[in-house]
Each structure stands twice: as C-alpha cells, then as structure tokens.
Amino acid sequence: MPLLTALAISIGALGGVATWIFVGPAAGVGLQIWAAFVAWAAFYHSGGKMAALRANVPAHILGAVVGWLALVGTTSLAGSLGVPVAAGICVGIGAAAMVLAANLPIFGSIPSTVYGFACVAAYALLAGKLGTLYAGTIVDNPLINIVASMVIGSVLGYLSEAIGVAISKGPAAPKAPARA
C-alpha cells in the first residue's frame, strides 16, 4: 500500500481515537486536543522519525514555559503599564529568549518553540485561565495542561508514522521453499 494511504489510515484512526479520549472518557482531565494536533503537525512538519520527536518535545516545552512566563509578567505589570504595553514587553522579551535559546541544539526548533508559546497563550486567554496561572492542577494551569497535551500529540505523531510505515510494507511475503 502506498505510504500516504497508510499514513491516512493511521493518522485518521489515531486522530479519531485521541479526540474521543480527550473529549470523552478523559474530558475531566481537561487536556486540549487542538494543542495535541498542533504538536502532531509539528512532528510531521519537522520531517518525522525519532529526530522530530527529539527536536520538538523540548522546544514545545520551552515555548510553553516562556509563554507562561510572558503571561505571568503581563498580568503582574498590567496594573502599572496597562495590558497592551505589558503584553508587548513580555512577548518581545519572550520571543527574543526563544530565538536565543535555539543556540542550544536541544531548543533548535524555533517554530516548535513558538507553537508551545502560542498554545499556552491561546489556552490561557481563550479559556479564561489568567487567574489560574499558579494552579497546581492540570485542568487549571495552562502550562501543565498544554505541556501534557503537546507531549501526547508529539508521541501520537511518532506512533502514527510508525504504524503507517508498517501498514505500507504489508505482511511479509512467504518465502519460497528451498529447492533440493
């Protein structure tokens, strides 16, 4: 079977199951399926294989941490500077820090770092989680939630590729009997 067809099957099946788990049986945990899909896409965008997993997971985590710090800084400075100025300063410093961190090979995937930052900011802002930045639970803390969601998404990317490659190869052909 062509690899693209096999990947369509594995990604479709795992994507459907992951969505069902995230919004069904595990909904109480509060993981974000959309953040998992962002990380999953980053896995393929980075070329797949173990190399993409190794490059993306640390970068997603760094980006999430920097995004969380930017939110903490913004909420801390908003009273004295106003939200636009505070957010501009904190995002600017965070963006520069993420690019500078790419000097370390473990954080070399700048786009994946930005995805982590953006996912934390999106979840915190859109789900009204600015007041729970310091919460100790996965449901309330945007940093913990998004890191977990993105790590799961990265692993799903790796699994979907491995399954797709295996499906594309099909069953091993039977060996012809040896001639005497």
Protein backbone atom coordinates (compact mmCIF):
# COMPACT_ATOMS: atom_id res chain seq x y z
CA MET A 1 0.00 0.00 0.00
CA PRO A 2 1.33 3.49 -0.75
CA LEU A 3 2.79 5.23 2.29
CA LEU A 4 0.46 8.22 2.01
CA THR A 5 -2.58 5.93 2.07
CA ALA A 6 -1.17 4.04 5.06
CA LEU A 7 -0.50 7.33 6.87
CA ALA A 8 -4.05 8.49 6.12
CA ILE A 9 -5.34 5.34 7.79
CA SER A 10 -3.07 5.54 10.83
CA ILE A 11 -3.48 9.30 11.35
CA GLY A 12 -7.22 9.12 10.81
CA ALA A 13 -7.67 6.21 13.21
CA LEU A 14 -5.37 7.60 15.92
CA GLY A 15 -6.80 11.10 15.48
CA GLY A 16 -10.33 9.83 15.92
CA VAL A 17 -9.45 7.73 18.95
CA ALA A 18 -7.41 10.55 20.52
CA THR A 19 -10.27 13.01 20.04
CA TRP A 20 -12.75 10.57 21.56
CA ILE A 21 -10.46 10.03 24.57
CA PHE A 22 -9.71 13.74 25.07
CA VAL A 23 -13.33 14.91 24.86
CA GLY A 24 -14.93 11.72 26.19
CA PRO A 25 -13.51 9.43 28.87
CA ALA A 26 -10.62 11.76 29.79
CA ALA A 27 -12.56 15.02 29.49
CA GLY A 28 -12.28 15.61 33.23
CA VAL A 29 -8.51 15.87 32.89
CA GLY A 30 -9.03 18.86 30.61
CA LEU A 31 -6.35 18.09 28.03
CA GLN A 32 -6.61 20.12 24.83
CA ILE A 33 -6.97 18.05 21.65
CA TRP A 34 -6.22 21.05 19.47
CA ALA A 35 -2.83 21.52 21.19
CA ALA A 36 -2.10 17.83 20.68
CA PHE A 37 -2.86 18.26 16.97
CA VAL A 38 -0.55 21.29 16.78
CA ALA A 39 2.29 19.15 18.17
CA TRP A 40 1.32 16.24 15.92
CA ALA A 41 1.51 18.51 12.87
CA ALA A 42 4.85 19.90 14.05
CA PHE A 43 6.17 16.33 14.20
CA TYR A 44 5.45 15.81 10.50
CA HIS A 45 6.46 19.35 9.55
CA SER A 46 9.85 18.65 11.14
CA GLY A 47 10.41 15.57 9.00
CA GLY A 48 9.06 12.89 11.31
CA LYS A 49 11.02 10.00 12.79
CA MET A 50 12.66 9.97 16.20
CA ALA A 51 14.67 13.07 15.24
CA ALA A 52 11.48 15.17 15.02
CA LEU A 53 10.25 13.83 18.33
CA ARG A 54 13.58 14.67 19.99
CA ALA A 55 13.61 18.15 18.46
CA ASN A 56 10.00 19.09 19.05
CA VAL A 57 9.22 17.95 22.58
CA PRO A 58 11.90 20.08 24.30
CA ALA A 59 11.07 23.02 22.03
CA HIS A 60 7.33 22.77 22.77
CA ILE A 61 8.07 22.64 26.49
CA LEU A 62 10.43 25.63 26.33
CA GLY A 63 7.89 27.62 24.34
CA ALA A 64 5.14 26.74 26.80
CA VAL A 65 7.31 27.84 29.74
CA VAL A 66 8.26 31.12 28.04
CA GLY A 67 4.62 31.72 27.10
CA TRP A 68 3.55 31.08 30.69
CA LEU A 69 6.24 33.48 31.95
CA ALA A 70 5.03 36.11 29.48
CA LEU A 71 1.50 35.70 30.84
CA VAL A 72 2.76 35.96 34.42
CA GLY A 73 4.73 39.07 33.51
CA THR A 74 1.82 40.63 31.65
CA THR A 75 -0.63 40.07 34.50
CA SER A 76 1.92 41.39 37.00
CA LEU A 77 2.73 44.54 35.03
CA ALA A 78 -0.72 45.27 33.58
CA GLY A 79 -1.82 47.36 36.56
CA SER A 80 1.06 49.80 36.24
CA LEU A 81 1.73 49.75 32.49
CA GLY A 82 -1.59 48.73 31.00
CA VAL A 83 -2.19 45.43 29.22
CA PRO A 84 -1.00 46.46 25.74
CA VAL A 85 2.37 47.78 26.95
CA ALA A 86 2.88 44.97 29.47
CA ALA A 87 1.98 42.30 26.91
CA GLY A 88 4.19 43.90 24.26
CA ILE A 89 7.19 43.98 26.56
CA CYS A 90 6.69 40.43 27.86
CA VAL A 91 6.04 38.90 24.45
CA GLY A 92 9.01 40.77 22.97
CA ILE A 93 11.35 39.52 25.67
CA GLY A 94 9.91 36.01 25.36
CA ALA A 95 10.30 35.92 21.59
CA ALA A 96 13.91 37.06 21.82
CA ALA A 97 14.61 34.48 24.54
CA MET A 98 13.16 31.66 22.44
CA VAL A 99 15.29 32.56 19.43
CA LEU A 100 18.41 32.90 21.57
CA ALA A 101 17.67 29.51 23.17
CA ALA A 102 17.96 27.97 19.70
CA ASN A 103 21.73 28.34 20.12
CA LEU A 104 21.39 25.21 22.24
CA PRO A 105 20.75 22.25 19.93
CA ILE A 106 18.01 20.83 22.19
CA PHE A 107 15.97 24.01 21.57
CA GLY A 108 16.91 24.41 17.91
CA SER A 109 13.38 24.07 16.52
CA ILE A 110 12.26 27.69 16.75
CA PRO A 111 8.86 27.08 15.10
CA SER A 112 8.07 24.33 17.62
CA THR A 113 9.06 26.67 20.44
CA VAL A 114 6.66 29.27 19.08
CA TYR A 115 3.90 26.63 18.85
CA GLY A 116 4.34 25.88 22.56
CA PHE A 117 4.23 29.59 23.43
CA ALA A 118 1.17 30.18 21.25
CA CYS A 119 -0.73 27.19 22.65
CA VAL A 120 -0.21 28.29 26.26
CA ALA A 121 -1.25 31.84 25.43
CA ALA A 122 -4.30 30.67 23.46
CA TYR A 123 -5.49 28.34 26.18
CA ALA A 124 -4.94 30.87 28.96
CA LEU A 125 -6.62 33.72 27.10
CA LEU A 126 -9.47 31.89 25.41
CA ALA A 127 -10.37 29.61 28.33
CA GLY A 128 -10.18 32.40 30.90
CA LYS A 129 -7.21 30.86 32.73
CA LEU A 130 -5.23 34.02 33.52
CA GLY A 131 -6.39 33.76 37.11
CA THR A 132 -5.15 30.18 37.41
CA LEU A 133 -1.56 30.55 36.20
CA TYR A 134 -0.23 29.26 39.51
CA ALA A 135 -2.77 26.45 39.97
CA GLY A 136 -1.36 23.03 40.74
CA THR A 137 -3.84 21.07 38.64
CA ILE A 138 -3.66 20.03 35.01
CA VAL A 139 -7.20 21.29 34.44
CA ASP A 140 -6.49 24.84 35.59
CA ASN A 141 -2.81 25.52 34.96
CA PRO A 142 -2.23 26.44 31.29
CA LEU A 143 1.44 25.45 31.46
CA ILE A 144 0.84 21.96 32.83
CA ASN A 145 -2.15 21.38 30.57
CA ILE A 146 -0.53 22.43 27.34
CA VAL A 147 2.77 20.66 28.01
CA ALA A 148 0.90 17.41 28.65
CA SER A 149 -1.32 17.89 25.59
CA MET A 150 1.62 18.67 23.32
CA VAL A 151 3.79 15.81 24.56
CA ILE A 152 0.91 13.42 23.91
CA GLY A 153 0.42 14.95 20.45
CA SER A 154 4.10 14.54 19.63
CA VAL A 155 4.02 10.89 20.68
CA LEU A 156 0.87 10.36 18.61
CA GLY A 157 2.72 11.79 15.63
CA TYR A 158 5.53 9.31 16.14
CA LEU A 159 3.12 6.40 16.60
CA SER A 160 1.07 7.34 13.55
CA GLU A 161 4.21 7.40 11.43
CA ALA A 162 5.44 4.05 12.76
CA ILE A 163 2.04 2.44 12.18
CA GLY A 164 1.74 4.00 8.72
CA VAL A 165 5.17 2.73 7.69
CA ALA A 166 4.33 -0.74 8.99
CA ILE A 167 1.00 -0.79 7.15
CA SER A 168 2.61 0.39 3.92
CA LYS A 169 5.02 -2.51 3.95
CA GLY A 170 2.21 -5.01 4.41
CA PRO A 171 2.69 -8.57 5.54
CA ALA A 172 5.98 -10.21 4.72
CA ALA A 173 5.81 -12.29 1.57
CA PRO A 174 6.07 -16.02 2.19
CA LYS A 175 9.45 -17.42 1.35
CA ALA A 176 9.65 -19.90 -1.45
CA PRO A 177 10.66 -23.38 -0.35
CA ALA A 178 14.29 -24.21 -0.90
CA ARG A 179 14.99 -26.49 -3.86
CA ALA A 180 16.81 -29.68 -3.25
